C-alpha atoms as a PDB file:
ATOM      1  CA  UNK A   1       3.944  19.544   4.037  1.00  0.00           C
ATOM      2  CA  UNK A   2       3.786  16.612   1.667  1.00  0.00           C
ATOM      3  CA  UNK A   3       0.431  15.376   0.412  1.00  0.00           C
ATOM      4  CA  UNK A   4       0.399  11.552   0.492  1.00  0.00           C
ATOM      5  CA  UNK A   5      -1.722   9.358  -1.759  1.00  0.00           C
ATOM      6  CA  UNK A   6      -1.834   5.605  -1.141  1.00  0.00           C
ATOM      7  CA  UNK A   7      -2.053   2.945  -3.829  1.00  0.00           C
ATOM      8  CA  UNK A   8      -1.959  -0.814  -4.129  1.00  0.00           C
ATOM      9  CA  UNK A   9       0.976  -2.804  -5.484  1.00  0.00           C
ATOM     10  CA  UNK A  10       0.760  -6.277  -6.990  1.00  0.00           C
ATOM     11  CA  UNK A  11       3.684  -8.662  -7.061  1.00  0.00           C
ATOM     12  CA  UNK A  12       4.136 -12.253  -8.210  1.00  0.00           C
ATOM     13  CA  UNK A  13       6.405 -14.437  -6.129  1.00  0.00           C
ATOM     14  CA  UNK A  14       7.823 -17.644  -7.596  1.00  0.00           C
ATOM     15  CA  UNK A  15       9.613 -20.595  -6.090  1.00  0.00           C
ATOM     16  CA  UNK A  16      10.320 -23.312  -8.611  1.00  0.00           C
ATOM     17  CA  UNK A  17       7.041 -23.922 -10.401  1.00  0.00           C
ATOM     18  CA  UNK A  18       4.925 -22.474  -7.578  1.00  0.00           C
ATOM     19  CA  UNK A  19       3.654 -18.927  -8.007  1.00  0.00           C
ATOM     20  CA  UNK A  20       1.591 -16.672  -5.783  1.00  0.00           C
ATOM     21  CA  UNK A  21       0.271 -13.142  -6.079  1.00  0.00           C
ATOM     22  CA  UNK A  22       0.502 -10.774  -3.150  1.00  0.00           C
ATOM     23  CA  UNK A  23      -0.602  -7.178  -2.668  1.00  0.00           C
ATOM     24  CA  UNK A  24       1.081  -4.353  -0.849  1.00  0.00           C
ATOM     25  CA  UNK A  25       0.614  -0.649  -0.266  1.00  0.00           C
ATOM     26  CA  UNK A  26       2.662   2.248  -1.626  1.00  0.00           C
ATOM     27  CA  UNK A  27       2.700   5.890  -0.541  1.00  0.00           C
ATOM     28  CA  UNK A  28       3.108   8.507  -3.261  1.00  0.00           C
ATOM     29  CA  UNK A  29       4.231  12.059  -2.468  1.00  0.00           C
ATOM     30  CA  UNK A  30       2.374  14.975  -4.039  1.00  0.00           C
ATOM     31  CA  UNK A  31       1.060  12.725  -6.811  1.00  0.00           C
ATOM     32  CA  UNK A  32      -1.923  14.926  -7.608  1.00  0.00           C
ATOM     33  CA  UNK A  33       0.003  18.212  -7.534  1.00  0.00           C
ATOM     34  CA  UNK A  34       2.906  17.428  -9.832  1.00  0.00           C
ATOM     35  CA  UNK A  35       1.596  14.439 -11.797  1.00  0.00           C
ATOM     36  CA  UNK A  36       4.439  12.157 -10.760  1.00  0.00           C
ATOM     37  CA  UNK A  37       4.365   8.790  -9.097  1.00  0.00           C
ATOM     38  CA  UNK A  38       7.293   9.048  -6.700  1.00  0.00           C
ATOM     39  CA  UNK A  39       7.022   6.314  -4.102  1.00  0.00           C
ATOM     40  CA  UNK A  40       8.197   7.583  -0.720  1.00  0.00           C
ATOM     41  CA  UNK A  41       7.333   4.439   1.273  1.00  0.00           C
ATOM     42  CA  UNK A  42       5.922   0.990   0.645  1.00  0.00           C
ATOM     43  CA  UNK A  43       5.074  -2.235   2.399  1.00  0.00           C
ATOM     44  CA  UNK A  44       5.320  -5.336   0.226  1.00  0.00           C
ATOM     45  CA  UNK A  45       3.627  -8.728   0.501  1.00  0.00           C
ATOM     46  CA  UNK A  46       0.877  -7.676   2.916  1.00  0.00           C
ATOM     47  CA  UNK A  47      -1.897 -10.047   1.813  1.00  0.00           C
ATOM     48  CA  UNK A  48      -3.192 -12.232  -0.984  1.00  0.00           C
ATOM     49  CA  UNK A  49      -6.687 -10.788  -0.387  1.00  0.00           C
ATOM     50  CA  UNK A  50      -6.944  -8.106  -3.069  1.00  0.00           C
ATOM     51  CA  UNK A  51     -10.332  -6.763  -1.964  1.00  0.00           C
ATOM     52  CA  UNK A  52      -9.204  -6.364   1.648  1.00  0.00           C
ATOM     53  CA  UNK A  53      -6.186  -4.357   0.531  1.00  0.00           C
ATOM     54  CA  UNK A  54      -8.282  -2.208  -1.815  1.00  0.00           C
ATOM     55  CA  UNK A  55     -10.454  -1.327   1.178  1.00  0.00           C
ATOM     56  CA  UNK A  56      -7.392  -0.555   3.326  1.00  0.00           C
ATOM     57  CA  UNK A  57      -5.946   1.751   0.655  1.00  0.00           C
ATOM     58  CA  UNK A  58      -9.293   3.540   0.269  1.00  0.00           C
ATOM     59  CA  UNK A  59      -9.488   4.009   4.054  1.00  0.00           C
ATOM     60  CA  UNK A  60      -5.944   5.395   4.218  1.00  0.00           C
ATOM     61  CA  UNK A  61      -6.748   7.911   1.481  1.00  0.00           C
ATOM     62  CA  UNK A  62     -10.150   8.876   2.901  1.00  0.00           C
ATOM     63  CA  UNK A  63      -8.680   9.494   6.363  1.00  0.00           C
ATOM     64  CA  UNK A  64      -5.573  11.203   4.909  1.00  0.00           C
ATOM     65  CA  UNK A  65      -3.292   8.885   6.844  1.00  0.00           C
ATOM     66  CA  UNK A  66       0.014  10.441   7.826  1.00  0.00           C
ATOM     67  CA  UNK A  67       2.980   8.586   6.390  1.00  0.00           C
ATOM     68  CA  UNK A  68       4.443   8.054   9.856  1.00  0.00           C
ATOM     69  CA  UNK A  69       1.504   5.767  10.695  1.00  0.00           C
ATOM     70  CA  UNK A  70       1.685   3.516   7.619  1.00  0.00           C
ATOM     71  CA  UNK A  71       3.595   0.657   9.285  1.00  0.00           C
ATOM     72  CA  UNK A  72       1.283   0.742  12.328  1.00  0.00           C
ATOM     73  CA  UNK A  73      -1.805   0.559  10.102  1.00  0.00           C
ATOM     74  CA  UNK A  74      -0.391  -2.399   8.178  1.00  0.00           C
ATOM     75  CA  UNK A  75       0.525  -4.134  11.435  1.00  0.00           C
ATOM     76  CA  UNK A  76      -3.009  -3.589  12.786  1.00  0.00           C
ATOM     77  CA  UNK A  77      -4.441  -4.882   9.492  1.00  0.00           C
ATOM     78  CA  UNK A  78      -2.407  -8.079   9.769  1.00  0.00           C
ATOM     79  CA  UNK A  79      -3.288  -8.652  13.427  1.00  0.00           C
ATOM     80  CA  UNK A  80      -6.976  -7.769  12.983  1.00  0.00           C
END
């Protein structure tokens, strides 16, 4: 069974001279065991609220969220 660790991604989106920063969530497989950072799933452009996403990532890691629930958690986050 794969051990999943969640992390935050940061991306800059540009359209003409307008720029915005958005944060997403990435799932890393066995990151602590083998020292790699292989992304096995990610959801981009979730929110511009960095602190809210930091808290979501911490919650996912604390509760050891199964990878199959990542999209549902992000959807609930966006609706909530």
